Protein backbone atom coordinates (compact mmCIF):
# COMPACT_ATOMS: atom_id res chain seq x y z
CA MET A 1 0.00 0.00 0.00
CA LEU A 2 2.58 2.52 -1.16
CA LEU A 3 -0.05 5.23 -1.71
CA ASP A 4 -2.34 4.41 1.19
CA ASP A 5 -4.94 7.17 1.64
CA LYS A 6 -3.22 9.44 -0.90
CA VAL A 7 -5.34 11.42 -3.34
CA ALA A 8 -4.05 11.18 -6.91
CA VAL A 9 -5.24 12.98 -10.03
CA ILE A 10 -4.33 11.36 -13.36
CA THR A 11 -4.98 12.86 -16.78
CA GLY A 12 -5.40 10.64 -19.82
CA VAL A 13 -6.87 8.00 -17.56
CA GLY A 14 -8.87 6.34 -20.33
CA SER A 15 -6.17 4.14 -21.83
CA GLY A 16 -2.50 3.23 -21.99
CA VAL A 17 -0.19 4.59 -19.30
CA GLY A 18 -3.02 6.55 -17.68
CA ARG A 19 -5.26 3.52 -17.24
CA ALA A 20 -2.41 1.28 -16.08
CA SER A 21 -1.27 3.93 -13.57
CA ALA A 22 -4.80 4.49 -12.26
CA LEU A 23 -5.29 0.76 -11.67
CA LEU A 24 -1.91 0.43 -9.96
CA PHE A 25 -2.29 3.55 -7.83
CA ALA A 26 -5.72 2.38 -6.68
CA ARG A 27 -4.34 -1.06 -5.90
CA GLU A 28 -1.70 0.66 -3.76
CA GLY A 29 -4.36 2.46 -1.73
CA ALA A 30 -4.83 5.77 -3.55
CA ARG A 31 -8.10 7.53 -4.17
CA VAL A 32 -7.93 8.24 -7.90
CA ILE A 33 -9.62 11.11 -9.70
CA GLY A 34 -9.21 10.49 -13.42
CA GLY A 35 -9.66 12.91 -16.29
CA ASP A 36 -9.89 12.22 -20.01
CA VAL A 37 -11.40 13.76 -23.12
CA ARG A 38 -12.80 10.31 -23.99
CA GLU A 39 -15.53 9.90 -21.40
CA ASP A 40 -16.39 6.32 -22.37
CA TRP A 41 -12.78 5.18 -21.98
CA GLY A 42 -12.30 7.11 -18.75
CA LYS A 43 -15.45 5.76 -17.14
CA GLU A 44 -14.42 2.25 -18.10
CA THR A 45 -11.11 2.73 -16.27
CA LEU A 46 -12.92 3.82 -13.12
CA ARG A 47 -15.30 0.88 -13.50
CA LEU A 48 -12.30 -1.47 -13.59
CA ILE A 49 -10.95 0.17 -10.43
CA ASP A 50 -14.28 -0.23 -8.64
CA GLU A 51 -14.51 -3.83 -9.81
CA ALA A 52 -11.08 -4.50 -8.32
CA GLY A 53 -12.14 -3.05 -4.97
CA GLY A 54 -10.62 0.41 -5.28
CA ARG A 55 -11.84 3.03 -2.86
CA GLY A 56 -13.12 6.49 -3.56
CA CYS A 57 -12.44 6.78 -7.29
CA ARG A 58 -14.09 9.29 -9.62
CA PHE A 59 -14.04 10.32 -13.28
CA VAL A 60 -14.20 13.95 -14.46
CA PRO A 61 -14.31 14.88 -18.16
CA CYS A 62 -11.20 16.89 -18.98
CA ASP A 63 -9.57 18.38 -22.07
CA VAL A 64 -6.08 19.33 -20.93
CA THR A 65 -5.82 22.09 -23.53
CA SER A 66 -8.43 23.92 -21.41
CA GLU A 67 -6.92 25.37 -18.25
CA GLU A 68 -10.42 25.61 -16.79
CA ASP A 69 -10.99 21.88 -17.34
CA VAL A 70 -7.74 21.05 -15.57
CA ARG A 71 -8.53 23.42 -12.73
CA ASN A 72 -11.94 21.77 -12.33
CA LEU A 73 -10.38 18.30 -12.35
CA ILE A 74 -8.06 19.18 -9.49
CA ALA A 75 -10.85 21.03 -7.67
CA ALA A 76 -12.91 17.83 -7.83
CA ALA A 77 -10.17 16.04 -5.89
CA THR A 78 -9.80 18.72 -3.24
CA SER A 79 -13.55 19.19 -2.77
CA GLU A 80 -14.23 15.44 -2.61
CA TYR A 81 -11.29 14.40 -0.43
CA GLY A 82 -9.99 17.62 1.06
CA ARG A 83 -6.54 17.56 -0.50
CA LEU A 84 -4.28 16.59 -3.38
CA ASP A 85 -1.17 14.44 -2.90
CA VAL A 86 -0.14 13.33 -6.40
CA MET A 87 -0.69 14.94 -9.79
CA MET A 88 0.14 12.79 -12.83
CA ASN A 89 0.13 14.78 -16.07
CA ASN A 90 -0.03 11.97 -18.58
CA VAL A 91 -1.97 13.11 -21.66
CA GLY A 92 -0.07 13.07 -24.95
CA VAL A 93 -0.71 12.97 -28.69
CA SER A 94 1.53 11.95 -31.56
CA THR A 95 2.39 13.49 -34.90
CA PRO A 96 -0.41 13.19 -37.51
CA ARG A 97 1.28 10.24 -39.21
CA PRO A 98 4.50 8.26 -38.68
CA GLY A 99 7.56 9.31 -40.60
CA MET A 100 6.60 12.94 -41.25
CA SER A 101 9.57 15.21 -41.89
CA PHE A 102 10.05 18.51 -40.05
CA GLU A 103 9.01 20.61 -43.05
CA GLU A 104 5.84 18.58 -43.65
CA HIS A 105 4.37 19.73 -40.34
CA ASP A 106 2.23 22.83 -40.61
CA ALA A 107 1.38 25.41 -37.96
CA ALA A 108 -1.75 23.48 -36.94
CA ASP A 109 0.35 20.36 -36.24
CA TRP A 110 2.71 22.37 -34.06
CA LYS A 111 -0.13 24.04 -32.19
CA ARG A 112 -1.87 20.74 -31.42
CA LEU A 113 1.32 19.08 -30.19
CA ILE A 114 2.35 22.03 -28.02
CA ASP A 115 -1.18 22.66 -26.70
CA VAL A 116 -1.71 19.04 -25.64
CA ASN A 117 1.75 17.68 -24.85
CA LEU A 118 3.29 20.75 -23.23
CA MET A 119 0.57 23.22 -22.23
CA GLY A 120 -1.61 20.40 -20.89
CA VAL A 121 1.24 19.60 -18.49
CA VAL A 122 1.75 23.29 -17.72
CA HIS A 123 -1.90 23.60 -16.68
CA GLY A 124 -1.71 20.48 -14.52
CA CYS A 125 1.51 21.56 -12.82
CA LYS A 126 0.23 25.09 -12.17
CA HIS A 127 -2.96 24.08 -10.45
CA ALA A 128 -1.38 21.19 -8.57
CA ILE A 129 1.27 23.55 -7.18
CA LEU A 130 -1.40 26.05 -6.18
CA SER A 131 -3.16 23.25 -4.26
CA PHE A 132 0.08 22.04 -2.67
CA LYS A 133 0.97 25.56 -1.55
CA ALA A 134 -2.49 26.07 -0.05
CA GLN A 135 -2.12 22.79 1.88
CA GLY A 136 1.37 23.72 3.02
CA ASP A 137 2.76 20.20 3.33
CA GLY A 138 4.29 19.45 -0.08
CA GLY A 139 3.15 17.14 -2.83
CA VAL A 140 4.26 15.17 -5.86
CA ILE A 141 3.98 15.79 -9.60
CA VAL A 142 4.72 13.04 -12.13
CA ASN A 143 4.82 14.09 -15.78
CA THR A 144 4.90 11.82 -18.81
CA GLY A 145 7.69 12.87 -21.15
CA SER A 146 9.33 10.68 -23.79
CA ALA A 147 12.70 9.34 -24.80
CA ALA A 148 12.02 11.36 -27.96
CA GLY A 149 12.38 14.50 -25.83
CA MET A 150 15.91 13.47 -24.83
CA VAL A 151 17.36 12.50 -28.22
CA GLY A 152 16.46 12.98 -31.88
CA TRP A 153 13.95 10.20 -32.46
CA GLY A 154 10.68 10.41 -34.35
CA GLY A 155 8.85 13.57 -35.36
CA VAL A 156 10.69 16.79 -34.56
CA PRO A 157 7.65 18.75 -33.28
CA TYR A 158 6.69 15.85 -31.03
CA GLY A 159 10.22 15.69 -29.64
CA VAL A 160 10.23 19.44 -29.03
CA SER A 161 6.95 19.23 -27.11
CA LYS A 162 8.30 16.44 -24.92
CA ALA A 163 11.65 18.17 -24.40
CA GLY A 164 9.59 21.06 -23.06
CA VAL A 165 7.98 18.72 -20.54
CA ILE A 166 11.41 17.59 -19.36
CA GLN A 167 12.71 21.14 -18.93
CA LEU A 168 9.48 22.19 -17.23
CA THR A 169 9.95 19.29 -14.83
CA ARG A 170 13.51 20.30 -13.98
CA GLY A 171 12.72 23.98 -13.52
CA LEU A 172 9.70 23.34 -11.31
CA ALA A 173 11.63 20.78 -9.25
CA ILE A 174 14.26 23.38 -8.33
CA GLU A 175 11.82 26.23 -7.79
CA ASN A 176 9.55 24.21 -5.52
CA ALA A 177 12.04 22.03 -3.65
CA PRO A 178 12.05 24.38 -0.62
CA LEU A 179 8.31 23.74 -0.30
CA GLY A 180 8.67 19.96 -0.26
CA ILE A 181 7.09 19.64 -3.70
CA ARG A 182 8.78 16.98 -5.85
CA VAL A 183 8.50 17.07 -9.65
CA ASN A 184 9.74 14.25 -11.88
CA CYS A 185 8.91 12.75 -15.25
CA LEU A 186 9.08 9.37 -16.89
CA CYS A 187 10.25 8.97 -20.48
CA PRO A 188 8.93 5.92 -22.36
CA GLY A 189 10.57 4.40 -25.41
CA ALA A 190 8.63 2.62 -28.18
CA ILE A 191 5.44 1.73 -26.35
CA ASP A 192 2.63 -0.73 -27.10
CA THR A 193 -0.52 1.23 -26.26
CA ASN A 194 -3.28 3.02 -28.18
CA PHE A 195 -0.82 5.89 -28.72
CA ALA A 196 -0.59 6.89 -32.40
CA MET A 197 -3.06 4.15 -33.35
CA PRO A 198 -6.44 4.68 -35.11
CA PRO A 199 -9.36 4.76 -32.62
CA GLU A 200 -10.97 1.73 -34.25
CA THR A 201 -7.96 -0.39 -33.24
CA ALA A 202 -8.05 0.74 -29.60
CA PHE A 203 -7.47 -2.00 -27.04
CA GLN A 204 -6.86 -4.59 -29.74
CA PRO A 205 -3.72 -6.78 -29.64
CA LYS A 206 -0.99 -5.51 -31.95
CA PRO A 207 0.08 -7.72 -34.87
CA PRO A 208 3.22 -9.71 -33.95
CA ALA A 209 5.21 -7.91 -36.66
CA LEU A 210 4.39 -4.53 -35.12
CA ARG A 211 5.32 -5.69 -31.63
CA GLU A 212 8.58 -7.01 -33.01
CA LEU A 213 9.24 -3.65 -34.67
CA LEU A 214 8.55 -1.78 -31.43
CA GLY A 215 10.82 -4.11 -29.47
CA SER A 216 13.61 -3.81 -32.01
CA HIS A 217 14.28 -0.24 -30.87
CA HIS A 218 15.35 -1.46 -27.42
CA PRO A 219 18.46 -3.44 -26.44
CA LEU A 220 16.25 -5.57 -24.17
CA GLY A 221 14.27 -6.48 -27.28
CA ARG A 222 10.73 -5.93 -25.98
CA PRO A 223 8.18 -3.16 -26.49
CA ILE A 224 7.58 -0.87 -23.54
CA GLU A 225 4.26 -1.79 -21.91
CA ALA A 226 1.88 0.61 -20.19
CA GLU A 227 2.48 -1.34 -16.97
CA ASP A 228 6.23 -0.65 -17.20
CA CYS A 229 5.48 3.06 -17.15
CA ALA A 230 2.90 2.69 -14.39
CA ASN A 231 5.51 0.99 -12.19
CA ALA A 232 7.91 3.89 -12.80
CA ALA A 233 5.13 6.39 -12.06
CA LEU A 234 4.35 4.60 -8.79
CA TYR A 235 7.99 4.82 -7.72
CA LEU A 236 8.10 8.55 -8.49
CA ALA A 237 4.74 9.15 -6.78
CA CYS A 238 5.39 7.33 -3.52
CA ASP A 239 7.78 7.81 -0.61
CA LEU A 240 10.30 5.33 -2.02
CA SER A 241 11.52 8.31 -4.06
CA SER A 242 11.18 10.87 -1.26
CA ASN A 243 14.67 12.28 -1.96
CA VAL A 244 14.32 12.26 -5.76
CA THR A 245 13.28 15.33 -7.73
CA GLY A 246 13.97 16.88 -11.13
CA ILE A 247 14.73 13.64 -12.96
CA ALA A 248 13.69 12.35 -16.38
CA LEU A 249 13.48 8.59 -15.83
CA PRO A 250 13.85 6.57 -19.06
CA VAL A 251 11.58 3.55 -19.39
CA ASP A 252 13.16 2.52 -22.65
CA GLY A 253 14.59 -0.99 -22.57
CA GLY A 254 18.10 0.48 -22.74
CA TYR A 255 17.53 2.69 -25.80
CA LEU A 256 19.26 5.75 -24.38
CA ALA A 257 22.23 3.76 -23.11
CA ARG A 258 23.43 2.99 -26.66
C-alpha cells in the first residue's frame, strides 16, 4: 500500500499509461480522480478500479488544452477528499502520421502538439502547485515525457513538445524544492498502447510484426508496456523516491544507453 490514503489525479486515464497507472495507484491504496477527453474510456477505467475493490475513485471529463478543465479536475479532488497528494500529467498525442519530416508539419500540427503535450502539463503543474501551496505540506507531480524528448527520435515537433515537458519538470523541481514539492517525469521508449493508433484499433492486440518492430528499438528487445510506465510512475509518486526530484526517468529498454 505505497499510496495508502493518498489522493491522486491522473490525466489521460482512459487508456494506456493513464489507465495502467490508475489501476496500480488504486491497488496501492490511492483515491484516484481520473480525467480524459474520452468519457467512455475514462469511465471504463474507473469501473475497472471499482470492480477491483478500489476506494473512492471518480471520473471527471477533462480536455487538458483547457486550463479551466484542468482546474476543475483538481478542484474535484480537493472538494471530494480535502486535499491533493499526487498529480500525474499523462496526456499526450503523436504526430499526424508516422515518418513525417520537419518541413511537412504545418502550424496546426505544431499548435496541437504544443497545446496538448506541453501546455496540458503546464496547466496540470500550475494548479497542482497552487493546491500544494495552499495545503502547506508538499506534494508530488509526475509528468509523462518521452525518450524522444531526450534525443532525436521520431517527429521533430513531437520531440520538441516532450523536451519542453522535461525542462518544465527540472525547472519546477528546483523552484519548488524548498516547499517539499517533488517534480519528476518518466520517459517511455517505443510503447505498445493506443498511442498513435487509429481509434478503431483501440485496445486490440498488436500484430506480432508490429510488436517485433517496437521491441527492435530497445536493447532488451521488448516493447515498452503501459504497466512498465505505471511501475515507474508509482515509484516517483510514492515515498520510495522521497529524496528524488527533477529527474527524467527513461523507461526505454536500454535505448538511451546505446
